[in-house]
N, C-alpha and C. Protein backbone atom coordinates (compact mmCIF):
# COMPACT_ATOMS: atom_id res chain seq x y z
N MET A 1 63.39 30.44 -38.47
CA MET A 1 62.48 31.32 -37.74
C MET A 1 61.14 30.59 -37.57
N THR A 2 60.63 30.61 -36.38
CA THR A 2 59.36 29.94 -36.11
C THR A 2 58.19 30.84 -36.51
N ASP A 3 56.99 30.25 -36.58
CA ASP A 3 55.78 31.02 -36.89
C ASP A 3 55.62 32.15 -35.89
N ARG A 4 55.87 31.85 -34.63
CA ARG A 4 55.69 32.85 -33.57
C ARG A 4 56.65 34.02 -33.75
N GLU A 5 57.91 33.73 -34.04
CA GLU A 5 58.90 34.80 -34.24
C GLU A 5 58.53 35.67 -35.44
N ALA A 6 58.10 35.04 -36.52
CA ALA A 6 57.73 35.79 -37.72
C ALA A 6 56.48 36.63 -37.47
N ALA A 7 55.49 36.08 -36.78
CA ALA A 7 54.26 36.81 -36.50
C ALA A 7 54.52 37.99 -35.58
N LEU A 8 55.46 37.84 -34.67
CA LEU A 8 55.75 38.92 -33.74
C LEU A 8 56.40 40.11 -34.43
N LYS A 9 57.00 39.92 -35.60
CA LYS A 9 57.61 41.02 -36.34
C LYS A 9 56.56 41.88 -37.05
N ILE A 10 55.36 41.36 -37.18
CA ILE A 10 54.26 42.10 -37.81
C ILE A 10 53.39 42.65 -36.69
N GLU A 11 53.22 43.97 -36.65
CA GLU A 11 52.37 44.56 -35.62
C GLU A 11 50.91 44.43 -36.03
N TYR A 12 50.08 44.02 -35.09
CA TYR A 12 48.66 43.87 -35.37
C TYR A 12 47.85 43.97 -34.10
N ASP A 13 46.58 44.32 -34.26
CA ASP A 13 45.63 44.35 -33.16
C ASP A 13 44.71 43.15 -33.31
N VAL A 14 44.40 42.52 -32.20
CA VAL A 14 43.49 41.37 -32.22
C VAL A 14 42.14 41.81 -31.67
N VAL A 15 41.08 41.53 -32.44
CA VAL A 15 39.72 41.81 -32.01
C VAL A 15 39.01 40.47 -31.87
N ARG A 16 38.65 40.16 -30.64
CA ARG A 16 37.94 38.90 -30.38
C ARG A 16 36.44 39.18 -30.35
N SER A 17 35.69 38.31 -31.01
CA SER A 17 34.24 38.48 -31.03
C SER A 17 33.57 37.12 -31.23
N ASP A 18 32.26 37.13 -31.18
CA ASP A 18 31.48 35.90 -31.32
C ASP A 18 31.40 35.55 -32.81
N ARG A 19 32.46 34.98 -33.31
CA ARG A 19 32.54 34.60 -34.72
C ARG A 19 33.18 33.23 -34.82
N LYS A 20 33.12 32.62 -36.00
CA LYS A 20 33.67 31.28 -36.18
C LYS A 20 34.96 31.27 -36.98
N THR A 21 35.23 32.35 -37.69
CA THR A 21 36.39 32.37 -38.58
C THR A 21 37.37 33.48 -38.21
N PHE A 22 38.57 33.36 -38.77
CA PHE A 22 39.59 34.39 -38.63
C PHE A 22 39.50 35.31 -39.84
N ALA A 23 39.83 36.59 -39.65
CA ALA A 23 39.79 37.54 -40.77
C ALA A 23 40.88 38.58 -40.58
N LEU A 24 41.36 39.11 -41.71
CA LEU A 24 42.35 40.18 -41.71
C LEU A 24 41.72 41.44 -42.27
N GLN A 25 42.12 42.57 -41.72
CA GLN A 25 41.62 43.85 -42.21
C GLN A 25 42.74 44.87 -42.08
N ILE A 26 42.92 45.69 -43.11
CA ILE A 26 43.84 46.81 -43.04
C ILE A 26 42.98 48.04 -42.87
N LYS A 27 43.16 48.76 -41.77
CA LYS A 27 42.37 49.96 -41.50
C LYS A 27 43.31 51.06 -41.02
N ASP A 28 43.33 52.17 -41.74
CA ASP A 28 44.20 53.29 -41.40
C ASP A 28 45.65 52.86 -41.26
N GLY A 29 46.08 51.95 -42.11
CA GLY A 29 47.47 51.50 -42.11
C GLY A 29 47.82 50.51 -41.03
N ARG A 30 46.85 50.04 -40.27
CA ARG A 30 47.07 49.07 -39.21
C ARG A 30 46.43 47.74 -39.60
N LEU A 31 47.06 46.67 -39.19
CA LEU A 31 46.51 45.34 -39.42
C LEU A 31 45.64 44.97 -38.24
N ILE A 32 44.42 44.57 -38.55
CA ILE A 32 43.49 44.10 -37.52
C ILE A 32 43.20 42.63 -37.83
N VAL A 33 43.36 41.79 -36.81
CA VAL A 33 43.08 40.36 -36.96
C VAL A 33 41.84 40.07 -36.12
N ARG A 34 40.78 39.66 -36.78
CA ARG A 34 39.52 39.35 -36.09
C ARG A 34 39.46 37.84 -35.89
N VAL A 35 39.21 37.45 -34.63
CA VAL A 35 39.25 36.03 -34.29
C VAL A 35 38.09 35.66 -33.37
N PRO A 36 37.77 34.36 -33.30
CA PRO A 36 36.75 33.92 -32.35
C PRO A 36 37.20 34.18 -30.90
N LEU A 37 36.24 34.28 -30.01
CA LEU A 37 36.53 34.58 -28.61
C LEU A 37 37.55 33.61 -28.00
N ARG A 38 37.43 32.34 -28.32
CA ARG A 38 38.28 31.33 -27.70
C ARG A 38 39.51 30.96 -28.51
N ALA A 39 39.84 31.73 -29.50
CA ALA A 39 41.02 31.41 -30.33
C ALA A 39 42.29 31.48 -29.48
N ARG A 40 43.15 30.50 -29.67
CA ARG A 40 44.42 30.48 -28.94
C ARG A 40 45.42 31.42 -29.61
N LEU A 41 46.29 32.02 -28.82
CA LEU A 41 47.28 32.95 -29.34
C LEU A 41 48.17 32.28 -30.38
N VAL A 42 48.52 31.04 -30.15
CA VAL A 42 49.37 30.33 -31.11
C VAL A 42 48.66 30.20 -32.46
N ASP A 43 47.34 30.01 -32.46
CA ASP A 43 46.58 29.92 -33.71
C ASP A 43 46.51 31.27 -34.41
N VAL A 44 46.39 32.34 -33.64
CA VAL A 44 46.39 33.69 -34.21
C VAL A 44 47.74 33.97 -34.87
N GLU A 45 48.82 33.64 -34.18
CA GLU A 45 50.16 33.86 -34.73
C GLU A 45 50.38 33.05 -35.99
N ARG A 46 49.93 31.80 -35.99
CA ARG A 46 50.05 30.95 -37.18
C ARG A 46 49.28 31.54 -38.36
N PHE A 47 48.08 32.04 -38.07
CA PHE A 47 47.25 32.64 -39.11
C PHE A 47 47.94 33.86 -39.71
N VAL A 48 48.46 34.73 -38.86
CA VAL A 48 49.17 35.93 -39.34
C VAL A 48 50.38 35.52 -40.17
N TYR A 49 51.15 34.56 -39.68
CA TYR A 49 52.34 34.11 -40.41
C TYR A 49 51.98 33.53 -41.77
N SER A 50 50.92 32.74 -41.80
CA SER A 50 50.54 32.08 -43.06
C SER A 50 50.00 33.06 -44.10
N HIS A 51 49.61 34.26 -43.66
CA HIS A 51 49.09 35.27 -44.58
C HIS A 51 50.03 36.47 -44.71
N ARG A 52 51.29 36.29 -44.34
CA ARG A 52 52.23 37.41 -44.33
C ARG A 52 52.41 38.05 -45.71
N ASP A 53 52.37 37.26 -46.79
CA ASP A 53 52.51 37.84 -48.13
C ASP A 53 51.34 38.78 -48.43
N TRP A 54 50.12 38.32 -48.12
CA TRP A 54 48.93 39.15 -48.34
C TRP A 54 49.03 40.42 -47.51
N ILE A 55 49.44 40.29 -46.26
CA ILE A 55 49.55 41.43 -45.35
C ILE A 55 50.55 42.44 -45.89
N GLU A 56 51.74 41.99 -46.26
CA GLU A 56 52.77 42.90 -46.77
C GLU A 56 52.30 43.59 -48.05
N GLN A 57 51.64 42.84 -48.93
CA GLN A 57 51.15 43.40 -50.19
C GLN A 57 50.12 44.49 -49.93
N HIS A 58 49.17 44.25 -49.05
CA HIS A 58 48.11 45.22 -48.81
C HIS A 58 48.57 46.41 -47.97
N LEU A 59 49.53 46.21 -47.09
CA LEU A 59 50.10 47.36 -46.37
C LEU A 59 50.86 48.26 -47.34
N GLU A 60 51.54 47.66 -48.31
CA GLU A 60 52.25 48.44 -49.32
C GLU A 60 51.27 49.22 -50.19
N ILE A 61 50.17 48.60 -50.58
CA ILE A 61 49.13 49.29 -51.35
C ILE A 61 48.61 50.49 -50.55
N TYR A 62 48.37 50.30 -49.26
CA TYR A 62 47.89 51.39 -48.41
C TYR A 62 48.91 52.53 -48.41
N ARG A 63 50.20 52.19 -48.23
CA ARG A 63 51.24 53.24 -48.20
C ARG A 63 51.32 53.99 -49.52
N GLU A 64 51.22 53.26 -50.63
CA GLU A 64 51.28 53.90 -51.95
C GLU A 64 50.10 54.85 -52.14
N ARG A 65 48.91 54.42 -51.79
CA ARG A 65 47.72 55.27 -51.94
C ARG A 65 47.81 56.50 -51.05
N ARG A 66 48.31 56.30 -49.84
CA ARG A 66 48.44 57.44 -48.92
C ARG A 66 49.46 58.45 -49.45
N ALA A 67 50.56 57.95 -50.03
CA ALA A 67 51.57 58.85 -50.62
C ALA A 67 51.00 59.60 -51.81
N LEU A 68 50.16 58.94 -52.59
CA LEU A 68 49.58 59.54 -53.78
C LEU A 68 48.47 60.54 -53.46
N TYR A 69 47.58 60.16 -52.55
CA TYR A 69 46.41 60.97 -52.26
C TYR A 69 46.46 61.72 -50.93
N GLY A 70 47.42 61.40 -50.09
CA GLY A 70 47.49 62.01 -48.77
C GLY A 70 46.51 61.35 -47.83
N GLU A 71 46.43 61.88 -46.63
CA GLU A 71 45.52 61.32 -45.64
C GLU A 71 44.09 61.67 -46.00
N ILE A 72 43.23 60.68 -45.99
CA ILE A 72 41.82 60.90 -46.32
C ILE A 72 41.07 61.17 -45.03
N LYS A 73 40.40 62.30 -44.98
CA LYS A 73 39.63 62.68 -43.80
C LYS A 73 38.15 62.75 -44.17
N PRO A 74 37.27 62.41 -43.25
CA PRO A 74 35.83 62.51 -43.55
C PRO A 74 35.44 63.97 -43.77
N LEU A 75 34.45 64.17 -44.62
CA LEU A 75 33.95 65.51 -44.87
C LEU A 75 33.18 66.03 -43.65
N THR A 76 33.29 67.33 -43.42
CA THR A 76 32.51 67.94 -42.35
C THR A 76 31.12 68.27 -42.90
N ASP A 77 30.19 68.61 -42.05
CA ASP A 77 28.85 68.97 -42.48
C ASP A 77 28.88 70.17 -43.42
N ASP A 78 29.74 71.14 -43.17
CA ASP A 78 29.83 72.33 -44.03
C ASP A 78 30.35 71.98 -45.41
N GLU A 79 31.26 71.01 -45.50
CA GLU A 79 31.80 70.62 -46.80
C GLU A 79 30.78 69.83 -47.63
N VAL A 80 29.88 69.16 -46.98
CA VAL A 80 28.87 68.37 -47.68
C VAL A 80 27.83 69.28 -48.33
N ARG A 81 27.52 70.37 -47.67
CA ARG A 81 26.47 71.28 -48.17
C ARG A 81 26.91 72.10 -49.32
């Protein structure tokens, strides 16, 4: 299996911005890959593939916490008072 094939099996959103490094973030159970504006798709796929163990581990942690605590919703103004 190539890097590209393996990376394509992991669903993720790519956020391009004026940055120099690649970063991974798990937010609401979704993987977000933050990359420089000019990053090539092949480099993004390689990055995701090379961090697949970290990604799988942290997605599992998210699922476990969600099962234990349920969906976390922000407090409303009435609940804060």
